[in-house]
Amino acid sequence: MKRTATVERKTSETSIRLSVDLDGTGKADVATGLGFFDHMLTLLAGHSLIDLTLCCDGDLHVDGHHTVEDVARALGQCVNQALGDRRGIRRYGHAIIPMDEALATVAIDLGGRAAVVFDVAFPVPTIGAFDAQLVEVFWESFAATAAANVHATLHHGRNGHHIAEAVFKAAARALRLAIESDPRQSGVPSTKGTLTLG
């Protein structure tokens, strides 16, 4: 069964079409109007091996908040749909990633409930023209619609770009593990026998 999904989301703030293939090769074709955000999404696809196609037209004349938040919600929704009942997946994943002087750990549980702990501080308010606070907004919004736990910890780091990159790469690697098929797990990976999504 193909693990693919497409979401179209239109509001007064953003117009988004986003598609994923969970069993892809990490190809990314993304356009959000935010160069740094496109860079992070490309890293996310490349290190998770999720094929990602995204076109977003957002109200960037206001700022990047709505674009980042709504893209993350659409991505989480796509991942949720593509996983189906989550039968046969590993469910959990974690990774610790260095990026020059920065070191970040991310752990993910695709157990059907949303929660985020984001212990990452940025030394600067912006990364280029990108609001550094939006990194946390992205993962909060993704977790809400992916029905996932996401825990991110920055162990150390001085450069805002490197910190964000370490977080996105660690999250991508953790997600890659969590969505993988487990050859020993034929059913739903829960002792309850079901994963209630949402």
Protein backbone atom coordinates (compact mmCIF):
# COMPACT_ATOMS: atom_id res chain seq x y z
CA MET A 1 0.00 0.00 0.00
CA LYS A 2 1.33 3.43 -0.94
CA ARG A 3 1.88 5.76 1.97
CA THR A 4 1.11 9.02 0.22
CA ALA A 5 -1.19 11.96 0.90
CA THR A 6 -2.06 15.37 -0.47
CA VAL A 7 -3.59 18.28 1.40
CA GLU A 8 -4.97 21.53 0.04
CA ARG A 9 -5.49 24.25 2.60
CA LYS A 10 -6.89 27.68 1.78
CA THR A 11 -7.58 30.48 4.23
CA SER A 12 -7.52 34.27 4.07
CA GLU A 13 -3.86 34.03 5.16
CA THR A 14 -2.40 31.18 3.08
CA SER A 15 -3.07 28.98 0.08
CA ILE A 16 -1.23 25.66 0.30
CA ARG A 17 -0.96 22.47 -1.72
CA LEU A 18 1.30 19.88 -0.10
CA SER A 19 2.01 16.23 -0.98
CA VAL A 20 4.16 13.60 0.71
CA ASP A 21 5.41 10.12 -0.06
CA LEU A 22 6.63 8.52 3.15
CA ASP A 23 8.55 5.88 1.20
CA GLY A 24 10.36 8.30 -1.08
CA THR A 25 14.00 9.20 -1.54
CA GLY A 26 14.02 12.65 0.06
CA LYS A 27 13.17 14.71 -3.01
CA ALA A 28 11.95 18.21 -2.22
CA ASP A 29 10.18 20.70 -4.47
CA VAL A 30 9.19 23.52 -2.13
CA ALA A 31 8.28 27.16 -2.60
CA THR A 32 7.02 29.22 0.35
CA GLY A 33 8.52 32.63 -0.40
CA LEU A 34 10.74 32.31 2.68
CA GLY A 35 14.22 31.29 1.59
CA PHE A 36 15.44 30.05 4.96
CA PHE A 37 12.22 28.10 5.53
CA ASP A 38 12.57 26.45 2.11
CA HIS A 39 16.10 25.47 3.15
CA MET A 40 14.84 23.84 6.36
CA LEU A 41 12.04 21.98 4.54
CA THR A 42 14.53 20.71 1.97
CA LEU A 43 16.71 19.41 4.83
CA LEU A 44 13.67 17.83 6.45
CA ALA A 45 12.76 15.95 3.27
CA GLY A 46 16.33 14.94 2.50
CA HIS A 47 17.10 13.50 5.92
CA SER A 48 13.71 11.85 6.52
CA LEU A 49 13.64 10.39 2.97
CA ILE A 50 10.10 11.72 2.65
CA ASP A 51 9.35 13.12 -0.80
CA LEU A 52 7.82 16.57 -0.30
CA THR A 53 6.08 18.77 -2.86
CA LEU A 54 4.84 22.11 -1.59
CA CYS A 55 3.54 25.36 -2.98
CA CYS A 56 2.46 28.04 -0.52
CA ASP A 57 1.22 31.54 -1.23
CA GLY A 58 1.10 33.31 2.12
CA ASP A 59 0.57 36.81 3.50
CA LEU A 60 4.28 37.57 3.70
CA HIS A 61 3.51 41.29 3.65
CA VAL A 62 2.41 40.72 7.27
CA ASP A 63 5.25 38.37 8.27
CA GLY A 64 6.19 34.71 7.96
CA HIS A 65 4.16 33.40 10.89
CA HIS A 66 1.02 32.26 9.04
CA THR A 67 3.06 30.65 6.26
CA VAL A 68 5.22 28.61 8.66
CA GLU A 69 2.31 27.65 10.91
CA ASP A 70 -0.03 26.60 8.10
CA VAL A 71 2.63 24.69 6.16
CA ALA A 72 3.47 22.77 9.33
CA ARG A 73 -0.20 21.97 9.91
CA ALA A 74 -0.59 20.76 6.33
CA LEU A 75 2.57 18.65 6.60
CA GLY A 76 1.42 17.06 9.85
CA GLN A 77 -1.98 16.33 8.34
CA CYS A 78 -0.36 14.69 5.31
CA VAL A 79 1.91 12.52 7.46
CA ASN A 80 -1.07 11.52 9.62
CA GLN A 81 -3.14 10.53 6.58
CA ALA A 82 -0.28 8.68 4.89
CA LEU A 83 0.36 6.61 8.04
CA GLY A 84 -3.23 5.32 8.14
CA ASP A 85 -3.79 3.24 11.29
CA ARG A 86 0.00 3.18 11.87
CA ARG A 87 0.08 -0.59 11.67
CA GLY A 88 3.58 -2.06 11.36
CA ILE A 89 5.58 1.13 11.98
CA ARG A 90 8.32 1.58 14.55
CA ARG A 91 6.36 4.51 16.06
CA TYR A 92 9.33 5.95 17.97
CA GLY A 93 12.42 7.64 16.63
CA HIS A 94 15.22 9.78 17.97
CA ALA A 95 18.41 11.36 16.71
CA ILE A 96 21.24 13.49 18.03
CA ILE A 97 22.77 15.69 15.35
CA PRO A 98 25.82 17.98 15.40
CA MET A 99 25.93 21.00 13.11
CA ASP A 100 29.31 22.63 13.57
CA GLU A 101 29.23 24.05 17.13
CA ALA A 102 25.54 23.21 17.65
CA LEU A 103 24.25 19.88 18.98
CA ALA A 104 20.56 18.96 19.14
CA THR A 105 18.52 15.91 20.10
CA VAL A 106 14.97 15.27 18.88
CA ALA A 107 12.72 12.38 19.91
CA ILE A 108 9.38 11.66 18.21
CA ASP A 109 6.47 9.40 19.13
CA LEU A 110 3.80 8.85 16.47
CA GLY A 111 1.49 7.47 19.14
CA GLY A 112 -1.61 9.48 18.26
CA ARG A 113 -1.41 12.26 20.84
CA ALA A 114 0.06 15.71 20.35
CA ALA A 115 2.63 17.18 22.74
CA VAL A 116 5.72 19.34 22.31
CA VAL A 117 8.62 20.10 24.61
CA PHE A 118 10.95 22.56 22.90
CA ASP A 119 14.06 23.25 24.96
CA VAL A 120 15.89 25.26 22.33
CA ALA A 121 17.05 28.85 22.81
CA PHE A 122 18.26 31.03 19.95
CA PRO A 123 20.99 33.59 20.60
CA VAL A 124 19.54 35.95 17.97
CA PRO A 125 15.93 36.99 17.22
CA THR A 126 16.27 36.43 13.47
CA ILE A 127 18.18 34.13 11.14
CA GLY A 128 18.70 36.38 8.15
CA ALA A 129 15.16 37.69 7.65
CA PHE A 130 13.56 34.64 9.31
CA ASP A 131 12.03 34.99 12.80
CA ALA A 132 13.83 32.38 14.95
CA GLN A 133 10.68 31.88 17.08
CA LEU A 134 9.03 30.27 14.06
CA VAL A 135 11.15 27.14 14.44
CA GLU A 136 9.20 26.29 17.60
CA VAL A 137 5.93 27.36 15.97
CA PHE A 138 6.62 24.92 13.13
CA TRP A 139 7.11 21.90 15.38
CA GLU A 140 4.14 22.78 17.60
CA SER A 141 1.88 23.03 14.56
CA PHE A 142 3.27 19.86 12.98
CA ALA A 143 2.76 17.86 16.19
CA ALA A 144 -0.84 19.06 16.51
CA THR A 145 -1.96 17.64 13.17
CA ALA A 146 0.46 14.69 12.96
CA ALA A 147 -0.80 13.55 16.38
CA ALA A 148 2.79 13.25 17.53
CA ASN A 149 4.97 13.91 20.54
CA VAL A 150 8.00 16.01 19.61
CA HIS A 151 10.75 16.68 22.15
CA ALA A 152 13.67 18.87 21.06
CA THR A 153 16.69 19.74 23.18
CA LEU A 154 19.62 21.96 22.28
CA HIS A 155 22.72 20.84 24.15
CA HIS A 156 24.84 23.76 22.95
CA GLY A 157 25.19 26.14 20.04
CA ARG A 158 26.03 29.77 19.28
CA ASN A 159 24.96 30.30 15.66
CA GLY A 160 21.23 30.64 14.99
CA HIS A 161 21.40 29.08 11.53
CA HIS A 162 23.33 26.08 12.82
CA ILE A 163 20.93 25.61 15.74
CA ALA A 164 17.87 25.59 13.49
CA GLU A 165 19.58 23.24 11.06
CA ALA A 166 20.57 20.82 13.83
CA VAL A 167 16.97 20.75 15.08
CA PHE A 168 15.46 20.16 11.64
CA LYS A 169 18.00 17.47 10.74
CA ALA A 170 17.54 15.69 14.08
CA ALA A 171 13.76 15.84 13.70
CA ALA A 172 14.02 14.50 10.15
CA ARG A 173 16.17 11.56 11.24
CA ALA A 174 13.86 10.83 14.18
CA LEU A 175 10.83 10.95 11.88
CA ARG A 176 12.56 8.64 9.41
CA LEU A 177 12.98 6.01 12.14
CA ALA A 178 9.46 6.44 13.49
CA ILE A 179 7.70 5.95 10.14
CA GLU A 180 9.83 2.96 9.09
CA SER A 181 8.26 -0.46 8.79
CA ASP A 182 9.24 -2.77 11.63
CA PRO A 183 9.61 -6.33 10.30
CA ARG A 184 8.78 -7.72 13.75
CA GLN A 185 5.68 -5.56 14.22
CA SER A 186 2.71 -6.80 12.19
CA GLY A 187 0.06 -4.95 14.14
CA VAL A 188 -0.37 -1.53 15.70
CA PRO A 189 2.62 -0.66 17.90
CA SER A 190 0.67 -0.26 21.12
CA THR A 191 -0.20 -2.64 23.95
CA LYS A 192 -3.72 -1.14 23.82
CA GLY A 193 -4.14 -2.66 20.36
CA THR A 194 -5.03 0.67 18.81
CA LEU A 195 -3.64 4.15 18.43
CA THR A 196 -6.42 6.69 18.81
CA LEU A 197 -5.45 9.59 16.60
CA GLY A 198 -6.04 13.16 17.59
